Amino acid sequence: MVNGDKTSQVKVAHKLDRKQPMSFAISIAPNAITVSAQQGGQWVILDNWSILGSLVHGKFGFHIPASDEIGLTDFRLAPN
């Protein structure tokens, strides 16, 4: 969603084993959000979203569709 309006959903094939624990990193900068996953000991960028302005006053969240579930362990919020 952007400014309260729905936008098209982006789906990225990650090729991760859904039956195994997965490690993700979300990096938030004033003008960009980058989502990475750990694959074979290396961090691979899955999605990179940037704007010309600033995201400083925006919000973000996780969308878990329908009856799916997600478990979080070792969640950390660390300023850069």
Protein backbone atom coordinates (compact mmCIF):
# COMPACT_ATOMS: atom_id res chain seq x y z
CA MET A 1 0.00 0.00 0.00
CA VAL A 2 1.16 3.50 -0.75
CA ASN A 3 -0.60 6.48 0.83
CA GLY A 4 -3.48 4.19 1.85
CA ASP A 5 -4.00 2.87 -1.71
CA LYS A 6 -3.35 -0.72 -2.77
CA THR A 7 -0.61 -1.27 -5.32
CA SER A 8 0.19 -4.36 -7.36
CA GLN A 9 1.73 -7.15 -5.32
CA VAL A 10 5.27 -8.16 -6.21
CA LYS A 11 6.10 -11.85 -5.97
CA VAL A 12 9.73 -12.94 -6.06
CA ALA A 13 10.74 -16.59 -6.43
CA HIS A 14 13.14 -17.24 -3.55
CA LYS A 15 13.87 -20.97 -4.11
CA LEU A 16 14.11 -21.56 -0.35
CA ASP A 17 13.03 -24.82 1.30
CA ARG A 18 9.78 -23.89 3.04
CA LYS A 19 10.15 -26.84 5.41
CA GLN A 20 13.42 -25.50 6.82
CA PRO A 21 14.02 -22.35 8.90
CA MET A 22 14.79 -19.31 6.74
CA SER A 23 16.80 -16.20 7.54
CA PHE A 24 15.68 -12.83 6.18
CA ALA A 25 17.02 -9.31 6.57
CA ILE A 26 15.02 -6.15 5.95
CA SER A 27 17.15 -3.05 5.57
CA ILE A 28 15.34 0.28 5.77
CA ALA A 29 17.06 3.46 4.62
CA PRO A 30 15.55 6.95 4.29
CA ASN A 31 14.74 6.29 0.62
CA ALA A 32 14.85 2.49 0.16
CA ILE A 33 13.80 -0.88 1.57
CA THR A 34 15.83 -3.99 0.74
CA VAL A 35 14.76 -7.55 1.54
CA SER A 36 17.45 -10.24 1.55
CA ALA A 37 17.48 -13.97 2.32
CA GLN A 38 20.32 -16.21 3.36
CA GLN A 39 20.98 -18.88 0.75
CA GLY A 40 23.88 -21.29 1.11
CA GLY A 41 25.65 -19.07 3.63
CA GLN A 42 25.37 -15.94 1.46
CA TRP A 43 22.87 -13.09 1.62
CA VAL A 44 20.93 -12.68 -1.64
CA ILE A 45 18.77 -9.61 -2.36
CA LEU A 46 15.18 -10.66 -3.10
CA ASP A 47 13.67 -7.21 -3.55
CA ASN A 48 14.86 -3.62 -3.53
CA TRP A 49 12.34 -0.78 -3.47
CA SER A 50 13.41 2.84 -3.61
CA ILE A 51 11.79 6.23 -4.13
CA LEU A 52 13.09 9.68 -4.99
CA GLY A 53 11.64 11.21 -1.84
CA SER A 54 11.89 9.94 1.71
CA LEU A 55 10.35 6.97 3.56
CA VAL A 56 11.17 8.48 6.96
CA HIS A 57 7.52 9.20 7.84
CA GLY A 58 6.08 5.99 6.39
CA LYS A 59 5.14 2.65 7.90
CA PHE A 60 5.70 -0.92 6.82
CA GLY A 61 4.41 -4.29 7.91
CA PHE A 62 4.15 -7.97 7.08
CA HIS A 63 1.25 -9.37 5.07
CA ILE A 64 0.55 -13.03 5.87
CA PRO A 65 -2.15 -14.26 3.45
CA ALA A 66 -5.26 -16.23 4.49
CA SER A 67 -4.62 -18.93 7.08
CA ASP A 68 -0.83 -19.03 6.65
CA GLU A 69 1.34 -18.68 9.73
CA ILE A 70 4.82 -17.36 10.33
CA GLY A 71 7.04 -17.72 13.36
CA LEU A 72 9.73 -15.19 14.22
CA THR A 73 12.81 -15.93 16.27
CA ASP A 74 15.70 -13.66 17.03
CA PHE A 75 13.89 -10.55 15.76
CA ARG A 76 16.16 -7.53 16.12
CA LEU A 77 15.75 -3.87 15.32
CA ALA A 78 19.16 -2.30 14.94
CA PRO A 79 19.84 1.28 13.81
CA ASN A 80 22.53 1.65 11.17
